[in-house]
Amino acid sequence: MINEDKNRRNLTLAAVWLPLALAGCASAAPAPYPTFVEIPSVQGDVRSPAEWRRDIGAVRAAGVNLAFETAPNTFTLNDTEAFAASKRAQASKGGAAPNEVTGYAQADAFANAARGRALTPPSTR
């Protein structure tokens, strides 16, 4: 039923617009046919068929390489302990961890300063 309404609506639109479109075409004077002189010359930056072939081959080769590199089972998690140990060693070079009490004090001071700046401005009246 839904498709019947859609088809009926399309048929109605075609019945209304087709005569108008044909009337517009019939009233227009026929244009003269173009001559070969009017065909523009080939621009200088257009690739030759050999260049197109080369570029298409390069894109296809890149696609095959990408499909090969991202194929299933190409990603493995081997030697995770060594990786974790190297990252732990890298993180420990950063110095001593901050004092927890000092960190809380700095955070509280920052929050209080932000609250002080967040007050509404005084009224101009």
N, C-alpha and C. Protein backbone atom coordinates (compact mmCIF):
# COMPACT_ATOMS: atom_id res chain seq x y z
N MET A 1 0.81 -1.20 0.00
CA MET A 1 0.00 0.00 0.00
C MET A 1 0.85 1.26 0.00
N ILE A 2 1.95 1.21 0.74
CA ILE A 2 2.82 2.39 0.79
C ILE A 2 3.44 2.62 -0.58
N ASN A 3 3.89 1.56 -1.24
CA ASN A 3 4.49 1.69 -2.56
C ASN A 3 3.47 2.15 -3.59
N GLU A 4 2.21 1.74 -3.43
CA GLU A 4 1.18 2.17 -4.37
C GLU A 4 0.97 3.67 -4.27
N ASP A 5 0.96 4.23 -3.05
CA ASP A 5 0.81 5.67 -2.88
C ASP A 5 1.99 6.41 -3.48
N LYS A 6 3.18 5.85 -3.29
CA LYS A 6 4.38 6.48 -3.83
C LYS A 6 4.34 6.47 -5.36
N ASN A 7 3.94 5.34 -5.94
CA ASN A 7 3.85 5.24 -7.39
C ASN A 7 2.78 6.17 -7.94
N ARG A 8 1.67 6.26 -7.24
CA ARG A 8 0.59 7.15 -7.67
C ARG A 8 1.05 8.60 -7.62
N ARG A 9 1.79 8.95 -6.56
CA ARG A 9 2.28 10.32 -6.44
C ARG A 9 3.28 10.62 -7.56
N ASN A 10 4.17 9.67 -7.86
CA ASN A 10 5.14 9.87 -8.95
C ASN A 10 4.44 10.00 -10.28
N LEU A 11 3.41 9.22 -10.50
CA LEU A 11 2.66 9.30 -11.75
C LEU A 11 1.96 10.64 -11.86
N THR A 12 1.40 11.13 -10.76
CA THR A 12 0.73 12.43 -10.76
C THR A 12 1.73 13.54 -11.06
N LEU A 13 2.90 13.47 -10.42
CA LEU A 13 3.92 14.49 -10.68
C LEU A 13 4.36 14.46 -12.13
N ALA A 14 4.53 13.27 -12.68
CA ALA A 14 4.93 13.15 -14.08
C ALA A 14 3.84 13.70 -15.00
N ALA A 15 2.58 13.42 -14.67
CA ALA A 15 1.48 13.90 -15.50
C ALA A 15 1.38 15.42 -15.47
N VAL A 16 1.77 16.04 -14.38
CA VAL A 16 1.68 17.50 -14.28
C VAL A 16 2.89 18.16 -14.93
N TRP A 17 4.09 17.65 -14.69
CA TRP A 17 5.30 18.33 -15.13
C TRP A 17 5.73 17.98 -16.55
N LEU A 18 5.37 16.81 -17.04
CA LEU A 18 5.80 16.40 -18.37
C LEU A 18 5.27 17.34 -19.45
N PRO A 19 3.98 17.69 -19.46
CA PRO A 19 3.51 18.63 -20.51
C PRO A 19 4.19 19.99 -20.41
N LEU A 20 4.45 20.45 -19.18
CA LEU A 20 5.12 21.73 -19.03
C LEU A 20 6.55 21.68 -19.56
N ALA A 21 7.24 20.59 -19.28
CA ALA A 21 8.61 20.44 -19.76
C ALA A 21 8.64 20.34 -21.28
N LEU A 22 7.70 19.58 -21.86
CA LEU A 22 7.67 19.45 -23.31
C LEU A 22 7.30 20.76 -23.98
N ALA A 23 6.43 21.52 -23.35
CA ALA A 23 6.06 22.81 -23.92
C ALA A 23 7.25 23.76 -23.92
N GLY A 24 8.05 23.69 -22.87
CA GLY A 24 9.24 24.53 -22.82
C GLY A 24 10.25 24.14 -23.87
N CYS A 25 10.38 22.83 -24.13
CA CYS A 25 11.32 22.36 -25.14
C CYS A 25 10.84 22.71 -26.55
N ALA A 26 9.55 22.63 -26.76
CA ALA A 26 9.02 22.88 -28.09
C ALA A 26 9.13 24.35 -28.46
N SER A 27 9.06 25.24 -27.48
CA SER A 27 9.09 26.66 -27.80
C SER A 27 10.50 27.17 -28.04
N ALA A 28 11.51 26.42 -27.60
CA ALA A 28 12.88 26.86 -27.78
C ALA A 28 13.31 26.60 -29.22
N ALA A 29 14.06 27.54 -29.76
CA ALA A 29 14.57 27.37 -31.12
C ALA A 29 15.72 26.38 -31.08
N PRO A 30 15.83 25.51 -32.08
CA PRO A 30 16.92 24.54 -32.07
C PRO A 30 18.27 25.25 -32.23
N ALA A 31 19.21 24.79 -31.45
CA ALA A 31 20.55 25.38 -31.49
C ALA A 31 21.34 24.78 -32.63
N PRO A 32 22.25 25.54 -33.19
CA PRO A 32 23.06 24.98 -34.28
C PRO A 32 24.04 23.95 -33.74
N TYR A 33 24.40 22.99 -34.57
CA TYR A 33 25.35 21.96 -34.16
C TYR A 33 26.75 22.57 -34.07
N PRO A 34 27.55 22.13 -33.09
CA PRO A 34 28.91 22.68 -32.99
C PRO A 34 29.79 22.14 -34.13
N THR A 35 30.79 22.91 -34.43
CA THR A 35 31.75 22.48 -35.45
C THR A 35 33.00 21.98 -34.76
N PHE A 36 33.86 21.31 -35.52
CA PHE A 36 35.09 20.78 -34.96
C PHE A 36 36.04 21.90 -34.51
N VAL A 37 35.90 23.06 -35.08
CA VAL A 37 36.75 24.18 -34.70
C VAL A 37 36.43 24.63 -33.27
N GLU A 38 35.19 24.45 -32.83
CA GLU A 38 34.77 24.89 -31.50
C GLU A 38 35.22 23.94 -30.38
N ILE A 39 35.74 22.77 -30.72
CA ILE A 39 36.21 21.84 -29.70
C ILE A 39 37.51 22.38 -29.13
N PRO A 40 37.60 22.54 -27.81
CA PRO A 40 38.81 23.12 -27.23
C PRO A 40 39.99 22.16 -27.35
N SER A 41 41.18 22.74 -27.37
CA SER A 41 42.38 21.91 -27.45
C SER A 41 42.65 21.27 -26.09
N VAL A 42 43.45 20.21 -26.10
CA VAL A 42 43.78 19.49 -24.87
C VAL A 42 44.70 20.36 -24.03
N GLN A 43 44.42 20.42 -22.75
CA GLN A 43 45.25 21.21 -21.85
C GLN A 43 46.58 20.52 -21.64
N GLY A 44 47.56 21.27 -21.17
CA GLY A 44 48.90 20.72 -20.98
C GLY A 44 49.06 19.87 -19.74
N ASP A 45 48.18 20.01 -18.75
CA ASP A 45 48.35 19.29 -17.49
C ASP A 45 47.55 17.99 -17.44
N VAL A 46 47.11 17.47 -18.58
CA VAL A 46 46.35 16.23 -18.62
C VAL A 46 47.33 15.06 -18.70
N ARG A 47 47.12 14.05 -17.87
CA ARG A 47 48.01 12.89 -17.87
C ARG A 47 47.83 12.05 -19.13
N SER A 48 48.92 11.47 -19.56
CA SER A 48 48.86 10.56 -20.70
C SER A 48 48.35 9.20 -20.22
N PRO A 49 47.92 8.33 -21.15
CA PRO A 49 47.46 7.00 -20.72
C PRO A 49 48.54 6.21 -19.98
N ALA A 50 49.79 6.38 -20.36
CA ALA A 50 50.87 5.67 -19.66
C ALA A 50 51.00 6.16 -18.22
N GLU A 51 50.85 7.47 -18.01
CA GLU A 51 50.92 8.01 -16.65
C GLU A 51 49.73 7.52 -15.81
N TRP A 52 48.54 7.48 -16.43
CA TRP A 52 47.38 6.95 -15.72
C TRP A 52 47.61 5.51 -15.30
N ARG A 53 48.15 4.70 -16.22
CA ARG A 53 48.42 3.29 -15.95
C ARG A 53 49.41 3.15 -14.79
N ARG A 54 50.47 3.98 -14.81
CA ARG A 54 51.46 3.92 -13.75
C ARG A 54 50.85 4.30 -12.40
N ASP A 55 50.08 5.37 -12.36
CA ASP A 55 49.48 5.83 -11.10
C ASP A 55 48.44 4.84 -10.58
N ILE A 56 47.67 4.25 -11.48
CA ILE A 56 46.68 3.25 -11.04
C ILE A 56 47.39 2.03 -10.48
N GLY A 57 48.48 1.64 -11.12
CA GLY A 57 49.27 0.51 -10.60
C GLY A 57 49.83 0.80 -9.23
N ALA A 58 50.29 2.04 -9.01
CA ALA A 58 50.82 2.41 -7.69
C ALA A 58 49.73 2.38 -6.62
N VAL A 59 48.54 2.87 -6.95
CA VAL A 59 47.44 2.86 -5.98
C VAL A 59 47.01 1.42 -5.67
N ARG A 60 46.94 0.59 -6.69
CA ARG A 60 46.57 -0.82 -6.45
C ARG A 60 47.63 -1.53 -5.61
N ALA A 61 48.90 -1.25 -5.88
CA ALA A 61 49.96 -1.88 -5.09
C ALA A 61 49.89 -1.42 -3.64
N ALA A 62 49.61 -0.14 -3.42
CA ALA A 62 49.47 0.36 -2.05
C ALA A 62 48.28 -0.31 -1.36
N GLY A 63 47.20 -0.53 -2.10
CA GLY A 63 46.03 -1.21 -1.52
C GLY A 63 46.34 -2.65 -1.14
N VAL A 64 47.08 -3.36 -2.00
CA VAL A 64 47.45 -4.74 -1.69
C VAL A 64 48.36 -4.77 -0.48
N ASN A 65 49.31 -3.83 -0.40
CA ASN A 65 50.22 -3.76 0.75
C ASN A 65 49.45 -3.47 2.03
N LEU A 66 48.50 -2.55 1.97
CA LEU A 66 47.70 -2.23 3.15
C LEU A 66 46.86 -3.43 3.58
N ALA A 67 46.28 -4.13 2.65
CA ALA A 67 45.49 -5.31 2.98
C ALA A 67 46.37 -6.38 3.61
N PHE A 68 47.60 -6.52 3.12
CA PHE A 68 48.51 -7.51 3.68
C PHE A 68 48.91 -7.12 5.10
N GLU A 69 49.20 -5.82 5.31
CA GLU A 69 49.66 -5.38 6.63
C GLU A 69 48.55 -5.40 7.67
N THR A 70 47.30 -5.29 7.26
CA THR A 70 46.19 -5.25 8.21
C THR A 70 45.35 -6.51 8.17
N ALA A 71 45.89 -7.56 7.63
CA ALA A 71 45.15 -8.82 7.55
C ALA A 71 44.91 -9.38 8.95
N PRO A 72 43.93 -10.25 9.11
CA PRO A 72 43.69 -10.85 10.42
C PRO A 72 44.94 -11.60 10.91
N ASN A 73 45.10 -11.61 12.21
CA ASN A 73 46.20 -12.31 12.88
C ASN A 73 47.57 -11.73 12.56
N THR A 74 47.65 -10.47 12.17
CA THR A 74 48.96 -9.85 11.95
C THR A 74 49.41 -9.08 13.19
N PHE A 75 48.51 -8.86 14.12
CA PHE A 75 48.85 -8.14 15.34
C PHE A 75 48.94 -9.15 16.48
N THR A 76 50.07 -9.17 17.15
CA THR A 76 50.24 -10.10 18.26
C THR A 76 50.76 -9.34 19.48
N LEU A 77 50.52 -9.88 20.62
CA LEU A 77 51.01 -9.29 21.86
C LEU A 77 52.09 -10.20 22.44
N ASN A 78 53.23 -10.17 21.83
CA ASN A 78 54.36 -10.95 22.30
C ASN A 78 55.27 -10.09 23.14
N ASP A 79 55.94 -10.69 24.10
CA ASP A 79 56.96 -10.03 24.90
C ASP A 79 56.39 -8.80 25.63
N THR A 80 55.22 -8.95 26.21
CA THR A 80 54.60 -7.82 26.90
C THR A 80 55.32 -7.47 28.20
N GLU A 81 55.94 -8.43 28.85
CA GLU A 81 56.66 -8.15 30.09
C GLU A 81 57.85 -7.24 29.84
N ALA A 82 58.58 -7.48 28.78
CA ALA A 82 59.72 -6.62 28.46
C ALA A 82 59.26 -5.21 28.13
N PHE A 83 58.16 -5.10 27.40
CA PHE A 83 57.62 -3.79 27.08
C PHE A 83 57.21 -3.05 28.35
N ALA A 84 56.52 -3.74 29.25
CA ALA A 84 56.08 -3.12 30.51
C ALA A 84 57.28 -2.71 31.35
N ALA A 85 58.31 -3.54 31.39
CA ALA A 85 59.51 -3.21 32.17
C ALA A 85 60.20 -1.98 31.61
N SER A 86 60.27 -1.86 30.29
CA SER A 86 60.91 -0.68 29.70
C SER A 86 60.11 0.58 29.99
N LYS A 87 58.79 0.50 29.99
CA LYS A 87 57.97 1.67 30.29
C LYS A 87 58.05 2.04 31.77
N ARG A 88 58.14 1.04 32.64
CA ARG A 88 58.31 1.33 34.06
C ARG A 88 59.64 2.02 34.30
N ALA A 89 60.70 1.55 33.66
CA ALA A 89 62.02 2.18 33.81
C ALA A 89 62.00 3.60 33.27
N GLN A 90 61.31 3.81 32.18
CA GLN A 90 61.21 5.15 31.61
C GLN A 90 60.44 6.08 32.54
N ALA A 91 59.39 5.56 33.19
CA ALA A 91 58.59 6.38 34.11
C ALA A 91 59.36 6.68 35.39
N SER A 92 60.22 5.78 35.83
CA SER A 92 60.95 6.02 37.08
C SER A 92 62.03 7.06 36.92
N LYS A 93 62.44 7.39 35.71
CA LYS A 93 63.45 8.42 35.49
C LYS A 93 62.91 9.81 35.77
N GLY A 94 61.59 9.94 35.89
CA GLY A 94 60.97 11.25 36.07
C GLY A 94 61.22 11.85 37.44
N GLY A 95 61.78 11.16 38.36
CA GLY A 95 62.05 11.68 39.69
C GLY A 95 61.10 11.08 40.70
N ALA A 96 61.19 11.57 41.89
CA ALA A 96 60.36 11.03 42.97
C ALA A 96 58.91 11.44 42.78
N ALA A 97 58.02 10.61 43.26
CA ALA A 97 56.60 10.91 43.19
C ALA A 97 56.30 12.08 44.12
N PRO A 98 55.36 12.93 43.76
CA PRO A 98 55.04 14.07 44.62
C PRO A 98 54.43 13.61 45.94
N ASN A 99 54.67 14.39 46.95
CA ASN A 99 54.12 14.11 48.28
C ASN A 99 52.61 14.23 48.19
N GLU A 100 51.92 13.26 48.75
CA GLU A 100 50.48 13.24 48.64
C GLU A 100 49.85 14.42 49.37
N VAL A 101 50.35 14.76 50.52
CA VAL A 101 49.80 15.88 51.30
C VAL A 101 50.03 17.19 50.56
N THR A 102 51.23 17.37 50.01
CA THR A 102 51.53 18.59 49.27
C THR A 102 50.64 18.68 48.04
N GLY A 103 50.40 17.57 47.38
CA GLY A 103 49.54 17.56 46.21
C GLY A 103 48.12 17.97 46.55
N TYR A 104 47.59 17.47 47.67
CA TYR A 104 46.24 17.86 48.08
C TYR A 104 46.19 19.34 48.45
N ALA A 105 47.23 19.84 49.12
CA ALA A 105 47.25 21.25 49.51
C ALA A 105 47.27 22.15 48.28
N GLN A 106 48.07 21.77 47.28
CA GLN A 106 48.11 22.58 46.06
C GLN A 106 46.77 22.55 45.32
N ALA A 107 46.14 21.39 45.29
CA ALA A 107 44.85 21.27 44.63
C ALA A 107 43.79 22.10 45.35
N ASP A 108 43.80 22.07 46.70
CA ASP A 108 42.84 22.87 47.46
C ASP A 108 43.07 24.35 47.25
N ALA A 109 44.34 24.77 47.21
CA ALA A 109 44.64 26.19 47.00
C ALA A 109 44.16 26.64 45.61
N PHE A 110 44.37 25.81 44.64
CA PHE A 110 43.91 26.15 43.29
C PHE A 110 42.39 26.24 43.24
N ALA A 111 41.69 25.28 43.88
CA ALA A 111 40.24 25.29 43.88
C ALA A 111 39.69 26.52 44.58
N ASN A 112 40.29 26.90 45.73
CA ASN A 112 39.83 28.09 46.43
C ASN A 112 40.05 29.34 45.61
N ALA A 113 41.20 29.43 44.92
CA ALA A 113 41.45 30.59 44.06
C ALA A 113 40.45 30.65 42.92
N ALA A 114 40.10 29.50 42.36
CA ALA A 114 39.13 29.46 41.27
C ALA A 114 37.75 29.86 41.76
N ARG A 115 37.39 29.43 42.96
CA ARG A 115 36.09 29.84 43.52
C ARG A 115 36.06 31.34 43.77
N GLY A 116 37.18 31.91 44.19
CA GLY A 116 37.23 33.36 44.42
C GLY A 116 37.06 34.14 43.13
N ARG A 117 37.61 33.63 42.06
CA ARG A 117 37.47 34.31 40.77
C ARG A 117 36.09 34.10 40.17
N ALA A 118 35.35 33.07 40.61
CA ALA A 118 34.06 32.74 40.02
C ALA A 118 32.91 33.49 40.65
N LEU A 119 33.16 34.41 41.56
CA LEU A 119 32.08 35.18 42.19
C LEU A 119 31.47 36.12 41.17
N THR A 120 30.19 36.42 41.37
CA THR A 120 29.53 37.35 40.46
C THR A 120 30.07 38.75 40.70
N PRO A 121 30.15 39.55 39.66
CA PRO A 121 30.66 40.92 39.83
C PRO A 121 29.66 41.77 40.61
N PRO A 122 30.15 42.81 41.27
CA PRO A 122 29.24 43.66 42.03
C PRO A 122 28.27 44.38 41.10
N SER A 123 27.11 44.70 41.63
CA SER A 123 26.09 45.38 40.85
C SER A 123 26.52 46.83 40.59
N THR A 124 26.16 47.37 39.48
CA THR A 124 26.52 48.76 39.13
C THR A 124 25.52 49.75 39.68
N ARG A 125 24.44 49.29 40.28
CA ARG A 125 23.43 50.21 40.84
C ARG A 125 23.85 50.80 42.14
